[in-house]
PDB file of N, CA and C in Angstrom:
ATOM      1  N   MET A   1      67.751  -4.681 166.456  1.00  0.00           N
ATOM      2  CA  MET A   1      66.969  -5.261 166.390  1.00  0.00           C
ATOM      3  C   MET A   1      66.781  -7.033 165.963  1.00  0.00           C
ATOM      4  N   VAL A   2      65.962  -7.506 166.950  1.00  0.00           N
ATOM      5  CA  VAL A   2      66.382  -8.998 166.914  1.00  0.00           C
ATOM      6  C   VAL A   2      65.675  -9.964 165.826  1.00  0.00           C
ATOM      7  N   VAL A   3      66.074 -10.762 165.065  1.00  0.00           N
ATOM      8  CA  VAL A   3      65.484 -10.989 164.052  1.00  0.00           C
ATOM      9  C   VAL A   3      64.733 -12.571 164.859  1.00  0.00           C
ATOM     10  N   TYR A   4      63.579 -13.013 164.894  1.00  0.00           N
ATOM     11  CA  TYR A   4      63.105 -14.074 165.293  1.00  0.00           C
ATOM     12  C   TYR A   4      62.996 -15.361 164.187  1.00  0.00           C
ATOM     13  N   THR A   5      63.696 -16.027 164.225  1.00  0.00           N
ATOM     14  CA  THR A   5      63.768 -17.323 163.277  1.00  0.00           C
ATOM     15  C   THR A   5      63.293 -18.645 163.965  1.00  0.00           C
ATOM     16  N   GLY A   6      63.104 -19.489 163.042  1.00  0.00           N
ATOM     17  CA  GLY A   6      62.599 -20.573 163.291  1.00  0.00           C
ATOM     18  C   GLY A   6      63.469 -21.297 164.083  1.00  0.00           C
ATOM     19  N   ALA A   7      64.736 -21.342 164.083  1.00  0.00           N
ATOM     20  CA  ALA A   7      65.912 -21.903 165.167  1.00  0.00           C
ATOM     21  C   ALA A   7      65.206 -21.417 166.470  1.00  0.00           C
ATOM     22  N   MET A   8      65.354 -20.246 166.429  1.00  0.00           N
ATOM     23  CA  MET A   8      65.286 -19.559 168.013  1.00  0.00           C
ATOM     24  C   MET A   8      63.829 -20.047 168.740  1.00  0.00           C
ATOM     25  N   ASN A   9      63.048 -20.114 167.521  1.00  0.00           N
ATOM     26  CA  ASN A   9      61.455 -21.027 168.488  1.00  0.00           C
ATOM     27  C   ASN A   9      61.890 -22.221 168.892  1.00  0.00           C
ATOM     28  N   PHE A  10      62.654 -23.213 167.842  1.00  0.00           N
ATOM     29  CA  PHE A  10      62.872 -24.489 168.148  1.00  0.00           C
ATOM     30  C   PHE A  10      63.495 -24.189 169.802  1.00  0.00           C
ATOM     31  N   VAL A  11      64.635 -23.388 169.961  1.00  0.00           N
ATOM     32  CA  VAL A  11      65.312 -23.542 171.046  1.00  0.00           C
ATOM     33  C   VAL A  11      64.528 -22.867 172.327  1.00  0.00           C
ATOM     34  N   ILE A  12      63.254 -21.801 171.977  1.00  0.00           N
ATOM     35  CA  ILE A  12      62.851 -21.581 173.113  1.00  0.00           C
ATOM     36  C   ILE A  12      61.612 -22.334 173.322  1.00  0.00           C
ATOM     37  N   ASN A  13      60.903 -23.154 172.611  1.00  0.00           N
ATOM     38  CA  ASN A  13      60.186 -24.331 173.025  1.00  0.00           C
ATOM     39  C   ASN A  13      60.781 -25.265 173.536  1.00  0.00           C
ATOM     40  N   TYR A  14      61.950 -26.213 173.054  1.00  0.00           N
ATOM     41  CA  TYR A  14      62.637 -26.960 173.842  1.00  0.00           C
ATOM     42  C   TYR A  14      62.662 -26.245 175.304  1.00  0.00           C
ATOM     43  N   SER A  15      63.658 -25.691 175.451  1.00  0.00           N
ATOM     44  CA  SER A  15      64.014 -25.052 176.572  1.00  0.00           C
ATOM     45  C   SER A  15      62.853 -24.795 177.633  1.00  0.00           C
ATOM     46  N   THR A  16      61.666 -24.160 177.072  1.00  0.00           N
ATOM     47  CA  THR A  16      60.566 -24.281 178.537  1.00  0.00           C
ATOM     48  C   THR A  16      59.788 -25.527 178.616  1.00  0.00           C
ATOM     49  N   LEU A  17      59.672 -26.238 177.447  1.00  0.00           N
ATOM     50  CA  LEU A  17      59.679 -27.888 177.759  1.00  0.00           C
ATOM     51  C   LEU A  17      60.453 -28.607 178.965  1.00  0.00           C
ATOM     52  N   LEU A  18      61.308 -28.365 178.785  1.00  0.00           N
ATOM     53  CA  LEU A  18      62.788 -28.866 179.955  1.00  0.00           C
ATOM     54  C   LEU A  18      62.485 -28.197 181.014  1.00  0.00           C
ATOM     55  N   ILE A  19      62.210 -26.826 180.961  1.00  0.00           N
ATOM     56  CA  ILE A  19      62.276 -26.180 182.437  1.00  0.00           C
ATOM     57  C   ILE A  19      60.615 -26.569 183.055  1.00  0.00           C
ATOM     58  N   VAL A  20      59.526 -26.921 182.044  1.00  0.00           N
ATOM     59  CA  VAL A  20      58.175 -27.231 182.615  1.00  0.00           C
ATOM     60  C   VAL A  20      58.202 -28.553 183.063  1.00  0.00           C
ATOM     61  N   THR A  21      59.034 -29.593 182.521  1.00  0.00           N
ATOM     62  CA  THR A  21      59.136 -30.904 182.878  1.00  0.00           C
ATOM     63  C   THR A  21      59.872 -30.617 184.317  1.00  0.00           C
ATOM     64  N   VAL A  22      61.207 -30.192 184.617  1.00  0.00           N
ATOM     65  CA  VAL A  22      61.727 -30.095 185.979  1.00  0.00           C
ATOM     66  C   VAL A  22      60.712 -29.724 187.016  1.00  0.00           C
ATOM     67  N   SER A  23      60.117 -28.238 186.556  1.00  0.00           N
ATOM     68  CA  SER A  23      59.137 -27.586 187.795  1.00  0.00           C
ATOM     69  C   SER A  23      58.176 -28.883 188.039  1.00  0.00           C
ATOM     70  N   PHE A  24      57.610 -30.052 187.176  1.00  0.00           N
ATOM     71  CA  PHE A  24      57.068 -30.521 187.255  1.00  0.00           C
ATOM     72  C   PHE A  24      57.175 -31.966 188.258  1.00  0.00           C
ATOM     73  N   VAL A  25      58.572 -32.253 188.081  1.00  0.00           N
ATOM     74  CA  VAL A  25      59.201 -33.209 188.779  1.00  0.00           C
ATOM     75  C   VAL A  25      59.557 -32.704 190.303  1.00  0.00           C
ATOM     76  N   ILE A  26      59.975 -31.436 190.309  1.00  0.00           N
ATOM     77  CA  ILE A  26      59.861 -30.657 191.652  1.00  0.00           C
ATOM     78  C   ILE A  26      58.732 -30.749 192.393  1.00  0.00           C
ATOM     79  N   ALA A  27      57.384 -29.839 191.648  1.00  0.00           N
ATOM     80  CA  ALA A  27      56.362 -30.077 192.205  1.00  0.00           C
ATOM     81  C   ALA A  27      55.913 -31.758 192.627  1.00  0.00           C
ATOM     82  N   THR A  28      56.106 -32.652 192.337  1.00  0.00           N
ATOM     83  CA  THR A  28      55.797 -33.955 192.522  1.00  0.00           C
ATOM     84  C   THR A  28      56.728 -34.259 193.823  1.00  0.00           C
ATOM     85  N   GLY A  29      57.855 -34.293 193.649  1.00  0.00           N
ATOM     86  CA  GLY A  29      58.836 -34.465 194.870  1.00  0.00           C
ATOM     87  C   GLY A  29      58.146 -33.982 196.000  1.00  0.00           C
ATOM     88  N   ILE A  30      57.418 -32.584 195.969  1.00  0.00           N
ATOM     89  CA  ILE A  30      56.650 -31.796 197.226  1.00  0.00           C
ATOM     90  C   ILE A  30      55.645 -32.505 197.536  1.00  0.00           C
ATOM     91  N   VAL A  31      54.973 -32.528 196.607  1.00  0.00           N
ATOM     92  CA  VAL A  31      53.348 -33.158 196.802  1.00  0.00           C
ATOM     93  C   VAL A  31      53.812 -34.849 197.497  1.00  0.00           C
ATOM     94  N   TRP A  32      54.891 -35.232 197.229  1.00  0.00           N
ATOM     95  CA  TRP A  32      55.216 -36.623 197.904  1.00  0.00           C
ATOM     96  C   TRP A  32      55.727 -36.525 199.215  1.00  0.00           C
ATOM     97  N   ARG A  33      56.241 -35.668 200.051  1.00  0.00           N
ATOM     98  CA  ARG A  33      56.734 -35.217 201.151  1.00  0.00           C
ATOM     99  C   ARG A  33      55.795 -34.312 202.229  1.00  0.00           C
ATOM    100  N   VAL A  34      54.698 -33.841 201.714  1.00  0.00           N
ATOM    101  CA  VAL A  34      54.163 -33.144 202.240  1.00  0.00           C
ATOM    102  C   VAL A  34      52.643 -33.469 202.776  1.00  0.00           C
ATOM    103  N   GLU A  35      51.889 -33.055 203.547  1.00  0.00           N
ATOM    104  CA  GLU A  35      50.273 -33.345 203.623  1.00  0.00           C
ATOM    105  C   GLU A  35      49.313 -32.258 203.722  1.00  0.00           C
ATOM    106  N   LYS A  36      48.116 -32.937 203.456  1.00  0.00           N
ATOM    107  CA  LYS A  36      47.088 -31.676 204.279  1.00  0.00           C
ATOM    108  C   LYS A  36      47.019 -30.820 202.841  1.00  0.00           C
ATOM    109  N   ARG A  37      46.664 -29.340 203.743  1.00  0.00           N
ATOM    110  CA  ARG A  37      46.315 -28.497 202.837  1.00  0.00           C
ATOM    111  C   ARG A  37      47.717 -28.087 201.683  1.00  0.00           C
ATOM    112  N   LEU A  38      48.735 -27.877 202.265  1.00  0.00           N
ATOM    113  CA  LEU A  38      50.145 -27.887 201.385  1.00  0.00           C
ATOM    114  C   LEU A  38      50.137 -28.677 200.293  1.00  0.00           C
ATOM    115  N   ASP A  39      49.685 -30.050 200.598  1.00  0.00           N
ATOM    116  CA  ASP A  39      49.864 -31.032 199.701  1.00  0.00           C
ATOM    117  C   ASP A  39      48.666 -30.336 198.418  1.00  0.00           C
ATOM    118  N   LEU A  40      47.770 -30.484 198.908  1.00  0.00           N
ATOM    119  CA  LEU A  40      46.698 -29.800 197.886  1.00  0.00           C
ATOM    120  C   LEU A  40      47.233 -28.456 197.023  1.00  0.00           C
ATOM    121  N   SER A  41      47.546 -27.497 197.938  1.00  0.00           N
ATOM    122  CA  SER A  41      48.278 -26.453 196.933  1.00  0.00           C
ATOM    123  C   SER A  41      49.132 -26.698 195.863  1.00  0.00           C
ATOM    124  N   PHE A  42      50.147 -27.659 196.175  1.00  0.00           N
ATOM    125  CA  PHE A  42      51.095 -28.357 195.226  1.00  0.00           C
ATOM    126  C   PHE A  42      50.447 -29.193 194.291  1.00  0.00           C
ATOM    127  N   LYS A  43      49.575 -29.814 194.910  1.00  0.00           N
ATOM    128  CA  LYS A  43      48.877 -30.605 193.414  1.00  0.00           C
ATOM    129  C   LYS A  43      48.110 -29.411 192.460  1.00  0.00           C
ATOM    130  N   PHE A  44      47.629 -28.664 192.487  1.00  0.00           N
ATOM    131  CA  PHE A  44      46.746 -27.624 191.737  1.00  0.00           C
ATOM    132  C   PHE A  44      48.446 -26.839 190.769  1.00  0.00           C
ATOM    133  N   PHE A  45      49.079 -26.911 191.544  1.00  0.00           N
ATOM    134  CA  PHE A  45      50.535 -26.160 190.684  1.00  0.00           C
ATOM    135  C   PHE A  45      51.112 -27.241 189.812  1.00  0.00           C
ATOM    136  N   GLN A  46      51.108 -28.733 190.303  1.00  0.00           N
ATOM    137  CA  GLN A  46      51.335 -29.911 189.830  1.00  0.00           C
ATOM    138  C   GLN A  46      50.478 -30.254 188.046  1.00  0.00           C
ATOM    139  N   ILE A  47      49.297 -29.850 188.602  1.00  0.00           N
ATOM    140  CA  ILE A  47      48.157 -29.788 187.501  1.00  0.00           C
ATOM    141  C   ILE A  47      48.872 -28.285 186.250  1.00  0.00           C
ATOM    142  N   ALA A  48      48.774 -27.958 186.921  1.00  0.00           N
ATOM    143  CA  ALA A  48      49.363 -26.335 186.095  1.00  0.00           C
ATOM    144  C   ALA A  48      50.391 -26.798 185.403  1.00  0.00           C
ATOM    145  N   CYS A  49      51.298 -27.380 185.791  1.00  0.00           N
ATOM    146  CA  CYS A  49      52.424 -27.658 184.897  1.00  0.00           C
ATOM    147  C   CYS A  49      52.441 -28.597 183.944  1.00  0.00           C
ATOM    148  N   ALA A  50      51.536 -29.718 184.371  1.00  0.00           N
ATOM    149  CA  ALA A  50      51.207 -30.575 183.173  1.00  0.00           C
ATOM    150  C   ALA A  50      50.575 -30.005 182.154  1.00  0.00           C
ATOM    151  N   ILE A  51      49.575 -29.126 182.425  1.00  0.00           N
ATOM    152  CA  ILE A  51      48.723 -28.652 181.334  1.00  0.00           C
ATOM    153  C   ILE A  51      49.677 -27.683 180.493  1.00  0.00           C
ATOM    154  N   PHE A  52      50.787 -26.782 181.229  1.00  0.00           N
ATOM    155  CA  PHE A  52      51.548 -26.007 180.567  1.00  0.00           C
ATOM    156  C   PHE A  52      52.468 -26.951 179.372  1.00  0.00           C
ATOM    157  N   GLY A  53      52.907 -28.177 180.201  1.00  0.00           N
ATOM    158  CA  GLY A  53      53.869 -28.818 179.433  1.00  0.00           C
ATOM    159  C   GLY A  53      52.868 -29.267 178.140  1.00  0.00           C
ATOM    160  N   VAL A  54      51.409 -29.914 178.367  1.00  0.00           N
ATOM    161  CA  VAL A  54      50.943 -30.213 177.100  1.00  0.00           C
ATOM    162  C   VAL A  54      50.699 -29.021 176.193  1.00  0.00           C
ATOM    163  N   ILE A  55      50.472 -27.771 176.220  1.00  0.00           N
ATOM    164  CA  ILE A  55      50.743 -26.936 175.843  1.00  0.00           C
ATOM    165  C   ILE A  55      51.951 -26.790 174.863  1.00  0.00           C
ATOM    166  N   MET A  56      52.835 -26.440 175.419  1.00  0.00           N
ATOM    167  CA  MET A  56      54.002 -26.505 174.836  1.00  0.00           C
ATOM    168  C   MET A  56      54.185 -27.551 173.835  1.00  0.00           C
ATOM    169  N   ILE A  57      53.948 -28.923 174.274  1.00  0.00           N
ATOM    170  CA  ILE A  57      53.937 -29.842 173.057  1.00  0.00           C
ATOM    171  C   ILE A  57      53.194 -29.704 172.100  1.00  0.00           C
ATOM    172  N   LEU A  58      52.104 -28.984 172.473  1.00  0.00           N
ATOM    173  CA  LEU A  58      51.034 -28.773 170.791  1.00  0.00           C
ATOM    174  C   LEU A  58      52.039 -27.607 170.114  1.00  0.00           C
ATOM    175  N   ASN A  59      52.546 -27.037 170.870  1.00  0.00           N
ATOM    176  CA  ASN A  59      53.295 -25.766 170.163  1.00  0.00           C
ATOM    177  C   ASN A  59      53.996 -26.338 169.582  1.00  0.00           C
ATOM    178  N   ILE A  60      55.138 -27.305 169.841  1.00  0.00           N
ATOM    179  CA  ILE A  60      55.855 -27.814 169.203  1.00  0.00           C
ATOM    180  C   ILE A  60      55.327 -28.301 168.185  1.00  0.00           C
ATOM    181  N   LEU A  61      54.232 -29.313 168.136  1.00  0.00           N
ATOM    182  CA  LEU A  61      53.784 -30.365 167.029  1.00  0.00           C
ATOM    183  C   LEU A  61      53.228 -29.081 165.784  1.00  0.00           C
ATOM    184  N   SER A  62      52.413 -28.093 166.212  1.00  0.00           N
ATOM    185  CA  SER A  62      52.087 -27.083 165.370  1.00  0.00           C
ATOM    186  C   SER A  62      53.301 -26.383 164.627  1.00  0.00           C
ATOM    187  N   ASP A  63      54.432 -26.121 165.085  1.00  0.00           N
ATOM    188  CA  ASP A  63      55.536 -25.957 164.663  1.00  0.00           C
ATOM    189  C   ASP A  63      56.300 -26.544 163.512  1.00  0.00           C
ATOM    190  N   THR A  64      56.151 -27.747 164.595  1.00  0.00           N
ATOM    191  CA  THR A  64      56.862 -29.097 163.513  1.00  0.00           C
ATOM    192  C   THR A  64      55.937 -29.572 162.250  1.00  0.00           C
ATOM    193  N   LEU A  65      54.607 -29.594 162.634  1.00  0.00           N
ATOM    194  CA  LEU A  65      53.835 -30.086 161.307  1.00  0.00           C
ATOM    195  C   LEU A  65      53.524 -28.886 160.371  1.00  0.00           C
ATOM    196  N   GLY A  66      53.644 -27.855 161.046  1.00  0.00           N
ATOM    197  CA  GLY A  66      53.151 -26.728 160.245  1.00  0.00           C
ATOM    198  C   GLY A  66      51.565 -26.215 159.922  1.00  0.00           C
ATOM    199  N   TYR A  67      50.454 -26.759 160.824  1.00  0.00           N
ATOM    200  CA  TYR A  67      49.451 -26.261 160.787  1.00  0.00           C
ATOM    201  C   TYR A  67      48.856 -25.911 162.508  1.00  0.00           C
ATOM    202  N   SER A  68      47.714 -25.332 162.359  1.00  0.00           N
ATOM    203  CA  SER A  68      47.279 -24.957 163.440  1.00  0.00           C
ATOM    204  C   SER A  68      45.550 -25.436 164.205  1.00  0.00           C
ATOM    205  N   ASN A  69      46.069 -26.991 163.545  1.00  0.00           N
ATOM    206  CA  ASN A  69      44.783 -27.469 164.486  1.00  0.00           C
ATOM    207  C   ASN A  69      44.444 -27.726 165.407  1.00  0.00           C
ATOM    208  N   PHE A  70      45.366 -27.171 166.631  1.00  0.00           N
ATOM    209  CA  PHE A  70      45.446 -27.176 168.036  1.00  0.00           C
ATOM    210  C   PHE A  70      45.268 -25.907 168.385  1.00  0.00           C
ATOM    211  N   ASP A  71      44.781 -24.879 167.990  1.00  0.00           N
ATOM    212  CA  ASP A  71      44.615 -23.369 168.516  1.00  0.00           C
ATOM    213  C   ASP A  71      43.512 -23.502 169.219  1.00  0.00           C
ATOM    214  N   PRO A  72      42.136 -24.086 168.854  1.00  0.00           N
ATOM    215  CA  PRO A  72      41.279 -24.114 169.989  1.00  0.00           C
ATOM    216  C   PRO A  72      41.582 -24.792 171.286  1.00  0.00           C
ATOM    217  N   LEU A  73      42.022 -26.035 171.028  1.00  0.00           N
ATOM    218  CA  LEU A  73      42.425 -26.760 172.210  1.00  0.00           C
ATOM    219  C   LEU A  73      43.735 -25.870 173.121  1.00  0.00           C
ATOM    220  N   ARG A  74      44.574 -25.055 172.742  1.00  0.00           N
ATOM    221  CA  ARG A  74      45.545 -24.566 173.246  1.00  0.00           C
ATOM    222  C   ARG A  74      44.808 -23.566 173.882  1.00  0.00           C
ATOM    223  N   ILE A  75      44.043 -22.593 173.551  1.00  0.00           N
ATOM    224  CA  ILE A  75      42.935 -22.032 173.922  1.00  0.00           C
ATOM    225  C   ILE A  75      42.476 -22.255 175.374  1.00  0.00           C
ATOM    226  N   TYR A  76      41.814 -23.196 175.388  1.00  0.00           N
ATOM    227  CA  TYR A  76      41.109 -24.042 176.457  1.00  0.00           C
ATOM    228  C   TYR A  76      42.364 -24.352 177.571  1.00  0.00           C
ATOM    229  N   LEU A  77      43.157 -24.697 176.982  1.00  0.00           N
ATOM    230  CA  LEU A  77      44.130 -25.221 178.205  1.00  0.00           C
ATOM    231  C   LEU A  77      44.949 -24.343 178.604  1.00  0.00           C
ATOM    232  N   ARG A  78      45.079 -22.878 177.973  1.00  0.00           N
ATOM    233  CA  ARG A  78      45.502 -22.037 178.756  1.00  0.00           C
ATOM    234  C   ARG A  78      44.697 -21.618 179.781  1.00  0.00           C
ATOM    235  N   LEU A  79      43.578 -21.699 179.563  1.00  0.00           N
ATOM    236  CA  LEU A  79      42.448 -21.186 180.663  1.00  0.00           C
ATOM    237  C   LEU A  79      42.271 -22.156 181.502  1.00  0.00           C
ATOM    238  N   LEU A  80      42.491 -23.474 181.665  1.00  0.00           N
ATOM    239  CA  LEU A  80      42.952 -24.386 182.419  1.00  0.00           C
ATOM    240  C   LEU A  80      43.851 -24.133 183.432  1.00  0.00           C
ATOM    241  N   PHE A  81      45.108 -24.012 182.949  1.00  0.00           N
ATOM    242  CA  PHE A  81      46.450 -23.470 183.209  1.00  0.00           C
ATOM    243  C   PHE A  81      46.107 -22.582 184.155  1.00  0.00           C
ATOM    244  N   ALA A  82      45.519 -21.136 183.973  1.00  0.00           N
ATOM    245  CA  ALA A  82      45.418 -19.954 184.577  1.00  0.00           C
ATOM    246  C   ALA A  82      44.450 -20.717 185.912  1.00  0.00           C
ATOM    247  N   ILE A  83      43.738 -21.227 185.820  1.00  0.00           N
ATOM    248  CA  ILE A  83      42.643 -22.057 186.820  1.00  0.00           C
ATOM    249  C   ILE A  83      43.080 -22.566 188.076  1.00  0.00           C
ATOM    250  N   PHE A  84      43.796 -23.792 187.129  1.00  0.00           N
ATOM    251  CA  PHE A  84      44.503 -24.480 188.313  1.00  0.00           C
ATOM    252  C   PHE A  84      45.728 -23.688 189.103  1.00  0.00           C
ATOM    253  N   PHE A  85      46.835 -22.405 188.323  1.00  0.00           N
ATOM    254  CA  PHE A  85      47.136 -22.048 189.080  1.00  0.00           C
ATOM    255  C   PHE A  85      46.866 -20.860 189.739  1.00  0.00           C
ATOM    256  N   LEU A  86      45.983 -20.142 189.722  1.00  0.00           N
ATOM    257  CA  LEU A  86      45.050 -19.411 190.932  1.00  0.00           C
ATOM    258  C   LEU A  86      44.527 -20.484 192.008  1.00  0.00           C
ATOM    259  N   PHE A  87      44.069 -21.715 191.851  1.00  0.00           N
ATOM    260  CA  PHE A  87      43.788 -22.411 193.024  1.00  0.00           C
ATOM    261  C   PHE A  87      44.972 -22.399 193.708  1.00  0.00           C
ATOM    262  N   GLY A  88      46.162 -22.900 193.152  1.00  0.00           N
ATOM    263  CA  GLY A  88      47.279 -23.044 193.883  1.00  0.00           C
ATOM    264  C   GLY A  88      47.805 -22.001 194.847  1.00  0.00           C
ATOM    265  N   LEU A  89      47.672 -20.868 194.039  1.00  0.00           N
ATOM    266  CA  LEU A  89      47.919 -19.553 194.752  1.00  0.00           C
ATOM    267  C   LEU A  89      47.129 -19.052 195.904  1.00  0.00           C
ATOM    268  N   TRP A  90      45.746 -19.401 195.563  1.00  0.00           N
ATOM    269  CA  TRP A  90      44.820 -19.022 196.665  1.00  0.00           C
ATOM    270  C   TRP A  90      44.871 -19.999 197.915  1.00  0.00           C
ATOM    271  N   GLU A  91      45.289 -21.297 197.416  1.00  0.00           N
ATOM    272  CA  GLU A  91      45.344 -22.078 198.514  1.00  0.00           C
ATOM    273  C   GLU A  91      46.528 -21.664 199.433  1.00  0.00           C
ATOM    274  N   MET A  92      47.669 -21.309 198.635  1.00  0.00           N
ATOM    275  CA  MET A  92      49.059 -21.221 199.270  1.00  0.00           C
ATOM    276  C   MET A  92      48.742 -19.911 200.052  1.00  0.00           C
ATOM    277  N   ARG A  93      48.445 -18.624 199.485  1.00  0.00           N
ATOM    278  CA  ARG A  93      47.730 -17.499 200.363  1.00  0.00           C
ATOM    279  C   ARG A  93      47.153 -17.943 201.939  1.00  0.00           C
ATOM    280  N   THR A  94      46.181 -18.219 201.821  1.00  0.00           N
ATOM    281  CA  THR A  94      45.301 -19.349 202.929  1.00  0.00           C
ATOM    282  C   THR A  94      45.936 -19.813 203.831  1.00  0.00           C
ATOM    283  N   ILE A  95      47.034 -20.752 203.514  1.00  0.00           N
ATOM    284  CA  ILE A  95      47.856 -21.315 204.531  1.00  0.00           C
ATOM    285  C   ILE A  95      48.748 -20.003 205.225  1.00  0.00           C
ATOM    286  N   VAL A  96      49.189 -19.527 204.468  1.00  0.00           N
ATOM    287  CA  VAL A  96      50.533 -18.292 204.544  1.00  0.00           C
ATOM    288  C   VAL A  96      49.316 -17.379 205.456  1.00  0.00           C
ATOM    289  N   ARG A  97      48.271 -17.045 205.399  1.00  0.00           N
ATOM    290  CA  ARG A  97      47.529 -16.032 206.482  1.00  0.00           C
ATOM    291  C   ARG A  97      47.289 -16.799 207.770  1.00  0.00           C
ATOM    292  N   GLU A  98      47.103 -18.374 207.714  1.00  0.00           N
ATOM    293  CA  GLU A  98      46.589 -18.853 208.687  1.00  0.00           C
ATOM    294  C   GLU A  98      48.064 -18.884 209.909  1.00  0.00           C
ATOM    295  N   LEU A  99      49.001 -19.039 208.775  1.00  0.00           N
ATOM    296  CA  LEU A  99      50.686 -19.123 209.849  1.00  0.00           C
ATOM    297  C   LEU A  99      50.742 -17.891 210.445  1.00  0.00           C
ATOM    298  N   ASP A 100      50.152 -16.871 209.737  1.00  0.00           N
ATOM    299  CA  ASP A 100      50.685 -15.595 210.285  1.00  0.00           C
ATOM    300  C   ASP A 100      49.713 -15.021 211.157  1.00  0.00           C
ATOM    301  N   GLY A 101      48.562 -15.964 211.669  1.00  0.00           N
ATOM    302  CA  GLY A 101      47.540 -15.481 212.344  1.00  0.00           C
ATOM    303  C   GLY A 101      46.411 -14.521 212.222  1.00  0.00           C
ATOM    304  N   GLU A 102      46.883 -14.079 210.631  1.00  0.00           N
ATOM    305  CA  GLU A 102      45.542 -13.051 210.307  1.00  0.00           C
ATOM    306  C   GLU A 102      44.465 -13.608 210.432  1.00  0.00           C
ATOM    307  N   LEU A 103      44.086 -15.030 209.889  1.00  0.00           N
ATOM    308  CA  LEU A 103      42.998 -15.295 209.921  1.00  0.00           C
ATOM    309  C   LEU A 103      42.109 -15.560 211.247  1.00  0.00           C
ATOM    310  N   GLN A 104      42.916 -16.080 211.842  1.00  0.00           N
ATOM    311  CA  GLN A 104      42.679 -15.905 213.500  1.00  0.00           C
ATOM    312  C   GLN A 104      41.935 -14.622 213.997  1.00  0.00           C
ATOM    313  N   GLN A 105      42.986 -13.850 213.976  1.00  0.00           N
ATOM    314  CA  GLN A 105      42.468 -12.120 214.566  1.00  0.00           C
ATOM    315  C   GLN A 105      41.116 -11.989 213.717  1.00  0.00           C
ATOM    316  N   GLN A 106      40.907 -12.032 212.238  1.00  0.00           N
ATOM    317  CA  GLN A 106      39.934 -11.853 211.485  1.00  0.00           C
ATOM    318  C   GLN A 106      38.683 -12.591 212.359  1.00  0.00           C
ATOM    319  N   LYS A 107      38.788 -13.820 212.937  1.00  0.00           N
ATOM    320  CA  LYS A 107      37.779 -14.638 213.556  1.00  0.00           C
ATOM    321  C   LYS A 107      37.363 -14.243 214.777  1.00  0.00           C
ATOM    322  N   GLU A 108      38.440 -13.469 215.387  1.00  0.00           N
ATOM    323  CA  GLU A 108      37.981 -13.152 216.837  1.00  0.00           C
ATOM    324  C   GLU A 108      37.472 -11.454 216.685  1.00  0.00           C
ATOM    325  N   ARG A 109      37.772 -10.827 216.003  1.00  0.00           N
ATOM    326  CA  ARG A 109      36.965  -9.579 215.636  1.00  0.00           C
ATOM    327  C   ARG A 109      35.799  -9.733 215.965  1.00  0.00           C
ATOM    328  N   LYS A 110      35.286 -10.833 214.722  1.00  0.00           N
ATOM    329  CA  LYS A 110      33.999 -10.980 214.436  1.00  0.00           C
ATOM    330  C   LYS A 110      33.324 -11.370 215.603  1.00  0.00           C
ATOM    331  N   ARG A 111      33.756 -12.035 216.416  1.00  0.00           N
ATOM    332  CA  ARG A 111      33.116 -12.645 217.842  1.00  0.00           C
ATOM    333  C   ARG A 111      32.937 -11.502 218.507  1.00  0.00           C
ATOM    334  N   THR A 112      33.629 -10.580 218.499  1.00  0.00           N
ATOM    335  CA  THR A 112      33.549  -9.302 219.580  1.00  0.00           C
ATOM    336  C   THR A 112      32.789  -8.472 219.200  1.00  0.00           C
ATOM    337  N   LEU A 113      32.471  -8.242 217.477  1.00  0.00           N
ATOM    338  CA  LEU A 113      31.444  -7.344 217.028  1.00  0.00           C
ATOM    339  C   LEU A 113      29.963  -7.340 217.417  1.00  0.00           C
ATOM    340  N   PRO A 114      29.213  -6.574 218.161  1.00  0.00           N
ATOM    341  CA  PRO A 114      27.636  -6.614 218.218  1.00  0.00           C
ATOM    342  C   PRO A 114      27.309  -6.897 216.815  1.00  0.00           C
ATOM    343  N   PRO A 115      25.917  -7.733 216.786  1.00  0.00           N
ATOM    344  CA  PRO A 115      25.236  -8.471 215.954  1.00  0.00           C
ATOM    345  C   PRO A 115      24.356  -7.259 215.119  1.00  0.00           C
ATOM    346  N   ARG A 116      24.656  -7.236 214.122  1.00  0.00           N
ATOM    347  CA  ARG A 116      23.875  -6.416 213.365  1.00  0.00           C
ATOM    348  C   ARG A 116      22.210  -5.990 213.180  1.00  0.00           C
ATOM    349  N   ARG A 117      21.724  -4.941 213.178  1.00  0.00           N
ATOM    350  CA  ARG A 117      20.454  -5.233 213.226  1.00  0.00           C
ATOM    351  C   ARG A 117      19.642  -4.572 211.923  1.00  0.00           C
TER     352      ARG A 117
END
């Protein structure tokens, strides 16, 4: 059985914040180098990383200060994080489907189908 202590909470929160910061820097490097739709996809990921970083800072402040005034804000930020992460994944999925030729095949099939009555 693992005992969850305040020290573990401290290490986990700061480690997560460090990882999110590195992810944000990597996403910024990608956005800086790419264009168009790939750029848009990684901008969504970058916003999601920034929001998650703010959530982690609020978690650290809540633990440090010992009160939960940030709880409603953290709930809404988690929702925003999920939305922007989903948008980034959706855009990336669309790009991959276009590169794979799947979307072009669907367009061609729609052209060859007789009109509905």
